[in-house]
Amino acid sequence: MKIDEIFSVKNKIAVVTGGSRGIGEMIASAYLANGARVYITSRKADICDAKAIELSERYDAQCISLPSDLSSVDGIDSFVRDVESLEESIDILVNNAGAAWAEPIDQFTERGWDKVMDLNVKSVFFSTQKFLPLLRKSASLDDPARVINIGSIDGIGTPVFETYPYSASKASVHHMTRVLAARLVKENILVNAIAPGPFPSDMLGAAVEHNYEGIISRNPVHRMGRAEDVGGLAIYLSSKAGSYTVGETITCDGGTISSSGHDLSE
């Protein structure tokens, strides 16, 4: 029951999609700081490469950049092949890559809808599917492999912004997590989801002009999310401490959903 044993991710191999910034970077950092080797990916190669160098130096650990576009199955196949060329197995897959799109309902475009659904839903399923051979090689009854899907409180409550496919996509991620968990637990692969609330990010920042004061004032704990909040939760789900947690969507929002609501615009 010692902390450094039941919460250990030392020597684990993790893949974090969308790991070059935001919540993906926070989770990758938590793994690296605690002895895991981490592969990150994003569409922009220069940013992904630079972030991998930065994190490797910061945590004296191995963070490897494999830039890719996960919005298509071809892109996912290419990414998986890159990881397979370097690793015989992986222990943790974090499906974090995502997108948002906001337009008024009367003008909402098919392009915006498809971009969000392809990256937020299709890529979660097919990334999990394509990585199964590597996950199966590390999975055991005593030490299951892990898949963590990053949803959102917008998939639980009703957001104020006109981001129609985003909310639908994250609700899909939460339910797909339960379906995948029921199937893959039979193979000692545990699937869970994290539903973050307001964290500083390019996505949320663009919506509120990077002024988080209104969000902070309405949050029950009166602050934005921090790296240790979501990073600690990811470590729990990836360690012995989380090995009896299956098919759950865990909110990480400072109590936003459990209180009166989460209108982030006022």
Protein backbone atom coordinates (compact mmCIF):
# COMPACT_ATOMS: atom_id res chain seq x y z
CA MET A 1 0.00 0.00 0.00
CA LYS A 2 2.96 2.36 -0.44
CA ILE A 3 2.39 5.33 -2.72
CA ASP A 4 5.48 4.68 -4.84
CA GLU A 5 4.23 1.17 -5.56
CA ILE A 6 0.48 1.42 -6.08
CA PHE A 7 0.70 4.64 -8.11
CA SER A 8 3.82 3.73 -10.08
CA VAL A 9 4.06 4.11 -13.86
CA LYS A 10 7.82 3.66 -13.89
CA ASN A 11 9.14 1.98 -17.04
CA LYS A 12 5.69 1.99 -18.62
CA ILE A 13 5.40 2.87 -22.32
CA ALA A 14 2.66 5.38 -23.05
CA VAL A 15 1.22 6.87 -26.22
CA VAL A 16 -0.50 10.24 -25.83
CA THR A 17 -2.26 11.59 -28.91
CA GLY A 18 -2.44 15.35 -29.12
CA GLY A 19 0.38 15.35 -26.60
CA SER A 20 2.16 18.51 -27.69
CA ARG A 21 -0.08 20.97 -25.85
CA GLY A 22 -2.98 21.42 -23.45
CA ILE A 23 -4.30 18.46 -21.50
CA GLY A 24 -2.30 16.03 -23.64
CA GLU A 25 0.93 17.76 -22.67
CA MET A 26 -0.13 17.75 -19.00
CA ILE A 27 -0.73 13.99 -19.05
CA ALA A 28 2.47 13.29 -20.98
CA SER A 29 4.39 15.39 -18.44
CA ALA A 30 2.92 13.43 -15.52
CA TYR A 31 4.04 10.14 -17.05
CA LEU A 32 7.51 11.45 -17.91
CA ALA A 33 8.03 12.90 -14.44
CA ASN A 34 7.33 9.48 -12.99
CA GLY A 35 9.59 7.32 -15.12
CA ALA A 36 7.52 6.37 -18.16
CA ARG A 37 8.61 6.57 -21.80
CA VAL A 38 6.10 8.60 -23.79
CA TYR A 39 5.27 8.95 -27.48
CA ILE A 40 3.39 12.10 -28.46
CA THR A 41 1.79 13.02 -31.73
CA SER A 42 0.16 16.04 -33.33
CA ARG A 43 -0.39 17.27 -36.88
CA LYS A 44 2.20 20.06 -36.73
CA ALA A 45 5.59 18.34 -36.89
CA ASP A 46 7.72 21.31 -35.81
CA ILE A 47 5.62 21.94 -32.70
CA CYS A 48 5.47 18.25 -31.79
CA ASP A 49 9.22 17.77 -32.27
CA ALA A 50 10.07 20.84 -30.22
CA LYS A 51 7.72 19.80 -27.41
CA ALA A 52 9.26 16.32 -27.23
CA ILE A 53 12.74 17.83 -26.86
CA GLU A 54 11.49 20.27 -24.22
CA LEU A 55 9.75 17.60 -22.14
CA SER A 56 12.65 15.15 -22.43
CA GLU A 57 15.03 17.77 -21.07
CA ARG A 58 12.65 18.98 -18.37
CA TYR A 59 12.00 15.53 -16.90
CA ASP A 60 15.26 13.80 -17.88
CA ALA A 61 13.11 11.18 -19.60
CA GLN A 62 12.32 9.88 -23.08
CA CYS A 63 9.60 11.78 -24.92
CA ILE A 64 9.47 10.82 -28.59
CA SER A 65 7.70 12.86 -31.26
CA LEU A 66 5.85 11.03 -34.06
CA PRO A 67 3.83 13.69 -35.91
CA SER A 68 0.71 12.44 -37.67
CA ASP A 69 -2.84 13.28 -38.70
CA LEU A 70 -5.25 11.00 -36.85
CA SER A 71 -8.41 12.27 -38.54
CA SER A 72 -8.24 9.43 -41.11
CA VAL A 73 -7.65 5.71 -40.78
CA ASP A 74 -4.68 6.03 -43.14
CA GLY A 75 -3.11 8.54 -40.77
CA ILE A 76 -3.77 6.30 -37.78
CA ASP A 77 -2.25 3.31 -39.59
CA SER A 78 0.87 5.33 -40.35
CA PHE A 79 1.20 6.44 -36.73
CA VAL A 80 0.77 2.91 -35.39
CA ARG A 81 3.41 1.61 -37.81
CA ASP A 82 5.82 4.27 -36.54
CA VAL A 83 5.28 3.15 -32.95
CA GLU A 84 5.54 -0.55 -33.94
CA SER A 85 8.92 0.15 -35.51
CA LEU A 86 10.19 1.31 -32.13
CA GLU A 87 8.29 -0.78 -29.56
CA GLU A 88 7.18 -4.40 -29.28
CA SER A 89 4.34 -3.41 -26.93
CA ILE A 90 2.76 -0.44 -25.18
CA ASP A 91 1.18 -0.21 -21.74
CA ILE A 92 -0.97 2.91 -22.01
CA LEU A 93 -2.88 4.61 -24.81
CA VAL A 94 -4.33 8.06 -24.13
CA ASN A 95 -6.77 9.13 -26.83
CA ASN A 96 -6.58 12.87 -26.32
CA ALA A 97 -6.36 14.40 -29.82
CA GLY A 98 -9.44 16.46 -30.50
CA ALA A 99 -10.96 19.49 -32.16
CA ALA A 100 -13.80 21.95 -31.65
CA TRP A 101 -15.80 24.05 -34.08
CA ALA A 102 -18.28 26.79 -33.30
CA GLU A 103 -20.79 28.35 -35.70
CA PRO A 104 -24.37 29.61 -35.38
CA ILE A 105 -26.88 26.83 -35.93
CA ASP A 106 -28.21 28.31 -39.17
CA GLN A 107 -24.73 28.51 -40.68
CA PHE A 108 -23.10 25.40 -39.23
CA THR A 109 -21.12 23.67 -41.98
CA GLU A 110 -20.63 20.05 -42.91
CA ARG A 111 -16.89 20.71 -42.92
CA GLY A 112 -16.95 21.72 -39.26
CA TRP A 113 -19.17 18.81 -38.31
CA ASP A 114 -17.00 16.23 -40.07
CA LYS A 115 -13.72 17.63 -38.73
CA VAL A 116 -14.90 17.36 -35.13
CA MET A 117 -16.56 13.97 -35.42
CA ASP A 118 -13.66 12.44 -37.37
CA LEU A 119 -11.02 13.47 -34.85
CA ASN A 120 -13.04 13.24 -31.64
CA VAL A 121 -14.93 10.01 -32.29
CA LYS A 122 -13.68 8.06 -35.28
CA SER A 123 -10.02 8.42 -34.33
CA VAL A 124 -10.67 7.26 -30.75
CA PHE A 125 -12.19 4.01 -31.95
CA PHE A 126 -9.72 3.28 -34.74
CA SER A 127 -6.65 4.31 -32.70
CA THR A 128 -7.75 1.88 -30.01
CA GLN A 129 -8.43 -0.82 -32.61
CA LYS A 130 -5.09 -0.38 -34.37
CA PHE A 131 -3.09 -0.32 -31.13
CA LEU A 132 -4.72 -3.48 -29.75
CA PRO A 133 -1.90 -5.81 -30.89
CA LEU A 134 0.66 -3.73 -28.94
CA LEU A 135 -1.63 -3.38 -25.92
CA ARG A 136 -2.37 -7.11 -25.86
CA LYS A 137 1.34 -7.92 -25.69
CA SER A 138 1.74 -6.02 -22.42
CA ALA A 139 -1.63 -6.88 -20.86
CA SER A 140 -1.87 -9.36 -18.00
CA LEU A 141 -4.26 -10.14 -15.17
CA ASP A 142 -1.89 -8.69 -12.58
CA ASP A 143 -0.95 -5.65 -14.68
CA PRO A 144 -3.59 -4.79 -17.30
CA ALA A 145 -2.93 -2.49 -20.23
CA ARG A 146 -4.84 0.80 -20.15
CA VAL A 147 -6.78 2.96 -22.57
CA ILE A 148 -7.81 6.43 -21.37
CA ASN A 149 -10.18 8.44 -23.54
CA ILE A 150 -10.39 12.18 -23.01
CA GLY A 151 -14.01 13.31 -23.06
CA SER A 152 -15.39 16.55 -21.67
CA ILE A 153 -17.98 17.89 -19.27
CA ASP A 154 -19.59 19.31 -22.44
CA GLY A 155 -20.51 15.70 -23.20
CA ILE A 156 -22.37 15.51 -19.88
CA GLY A 157 -23.95 18.93 -19.43
CA THR A 158 -25.19 21.46 -21.99
CA PRO A 159 -22.61 24.06 -23.03
CA VAL A 160 -23.51 27.60 -23.93
CA PHE A 161 -21.28 27.81 -27.01
CA GLU A 162 -22.64 26.70 -30.37
CA THR A 163 -20.27 23.77 -30.70
CA TYR A 164 -22.88 21.20 -31.65
CA PRO A 165 -20.69 18.32 -32.86
CA TYR A 166 -18.21 18.84 -30.00
CA SER A 167 -20.80 18.10 -27.33
CA ALA A 168 -22.18 15.18 -29.33
CA SER A 169 -18.70 13.82 -29.96
CA LYS A 170 -17.72 13.88 -26.30
CA ALA A 171 -20.96 12.19 -25.24
CA SER A 172 -20.10 9.55 -27.85
CA VAL A 173 -16.64 9.14 -26.35
CA HIS A 174 -18.11 8.55 -22.90
CA HIS A 175 -20.50 5.87 -24.11
CA MET A 176 -17.93 4.29 -26.42
CA THR A 177 -15.67 4.04 -23.37
CA ARG A 178 -18.24 1.86 -21.62
CA VAL A 179 -18.74 -0.31 -24.71
CA LEU A 180 -15.01 -0.76 -25.31
CA ALA A 181 -14.43 -1.44 -21.62
CA ALA A 182 -16.99 -4.25 -21.58
CA ARG A 183 -15.29 -5.91 -24.55
CA LEU A 184 -11.62 -5.36 -23.76
CA VAL A 185 -11.65 -6.13 -20.03
CA LYS A 186 -11.86 -9.77 -21.16
CA GLU A 187 -8.35 -9.30 -22.57
CA ASN A 188 -6.96 -7.49 -19.52
CA ILE A 189 -7.19 -4.10 -21.22
CA LEU A 190 -8.95 -1.54 -19.02
CA VAL A 191 -10.74 1.36 -20.69
CA ASN A 192 -11.81 4.50 -18.84
CA ALA A 193 -12.43 8.15 -19.67
CA ILE A 194 -11.64 11.51 -18.13
CA ALA A 195 -14.11 14.36 -18.65
CA PRO A 196 -12.17 17.58 -18.02
CA GLY A 197 -13.78 20.85 -17.15
CA PRO A 198 -12.14 24.23 -17.70
CA PHE A 199 -8.38 24.01 -18.17
CA PRO A 200 -6.23 26.72 -19.79
CA SER A 201 -5.90 25.77 -23.45
CA ASP A 202 -5.85 27.18 -26.94
CA MET A 203 -9.31 25.72 -27.54
CA LEU A 204 -11.06 27.26 -24.52
CA GLY A 205 -8.87 30.34 -24.57
CA ALA A 206 -9.97 31.22 -28.09
CA ALA A 207 -13.61 31.07 -27.00
CA VAL A 208 -13.16 33.47 -24.07
CA GLU A 209 -10.34 35.61 -25.49
CA HIS A 210 -8.00 34.04 -22.92
CA ASN A 211 -9.80 35.82 -20.10
CA TYR A 212 -10.61 33.11 -17.59
CA GLU A 213 -11.83 35.37 -14.77
CA GLY A 214 -15.51 34.65 -15.36
CA ILE A 215 -14.91 30.91 -15.44
CA ILE A 216 -12.86 31.05 -12.25
CA SER A 217 -15.50 33.08 -10.41
CA ARG A 218 -18.19 30.50 -11.18
CA ASN A 219 -16.12 27.40 -10.50
CA PRO A 220 -16.86 25.85 -7.09
CA VAL A 221 -13.13 25.67 -6.25
CA HIS A 222 -12.52 29.15 -7.75
CA ARG A 223 -9.70 28.25 -10.11
CA MET A 224 -8.90 26.69 -13.47
CA GLY A 225 -7.68 23.13 -13.77
CA ARG A 226 -3.99 22.50 -13.20
CA ALA A 227 -1.59 20.00 -14.73
CA GLU A 228 -1.45 17.94 -11.54
CA ASP A 229 -5.24 17.60 -11.51
CA VAL A 230 -5.56 15.76 -14.81
CA GLY A 231 -2.02 14.31 -14.69
CA GLY A 232 -2.64 12.77 -11.28
CA LEU A 233 -5.91 11.27 -12.46
CA ALA A 234 -4.20 9.76 -15.51
CA ILE A 235 -1.52 8.23 -13.27
CA TYR A 236 -4.20 6.74 -11.03
CA LEU A 237 -5.99 5.16 -14.00
CA SER A 238 -2.67 3.82 -15.34
CA SER A 239 -1.35 2.32 -12.11
CA LYS A 240 -2.16 -0.53 -9.71
CA ALA A 241 -4.36 1.90 -7.78
CA GLY A 242 -6.72 2.08 -10.76
CA SER A 243 -6.68 -1.57 -11.78
CA TYR A 244 -10.22 -2.21 -10.46
CA THR A 245 -11.73 0.84 -12.19
CA VAL A 246 -13.32 -0.14 -15.50
CA GLY A 247 -15.60 1.69 -17.94
CA GLU A 248 -15.86 4.88 -15.90
CA THR A 249 -16.01 8.49 -17.04
CA ILE A 250 -14.44 10.54 -14.27
CA THR A 251 -15.05 14.28 -14.22
CA CYS A 252 -12.11 16.55 -13.47
CA ASP A 253 -13.78 19.94 -13.25
CA GLY A 254 -13.61 21.41 -9.76
CA GLY A 255 -17.22 20.44 -9.12
CA THR A 256 -18.65 22.31 -12.10
CA ILE A 257 -21.01 19.57 -13.29
CA SER A 258 -22.13 18.55 -9.80
CA SER A 259 -23.08 22.14 -8.98
CA SER A 260 -25.58 24.33 -10.83
CA GLY A 261 -24.18 24.12 -14.34
CA HIS A 262 -21.30 25.23 -16.48
CA ASP A 263 -22.20 28.26 -18.53
CA LEU A 264 -18.67 29.40 -19.37
CA SER A 265 -19.62 32.47 -21.36
CA GLU A 266 -20.91 34.88 -18.76
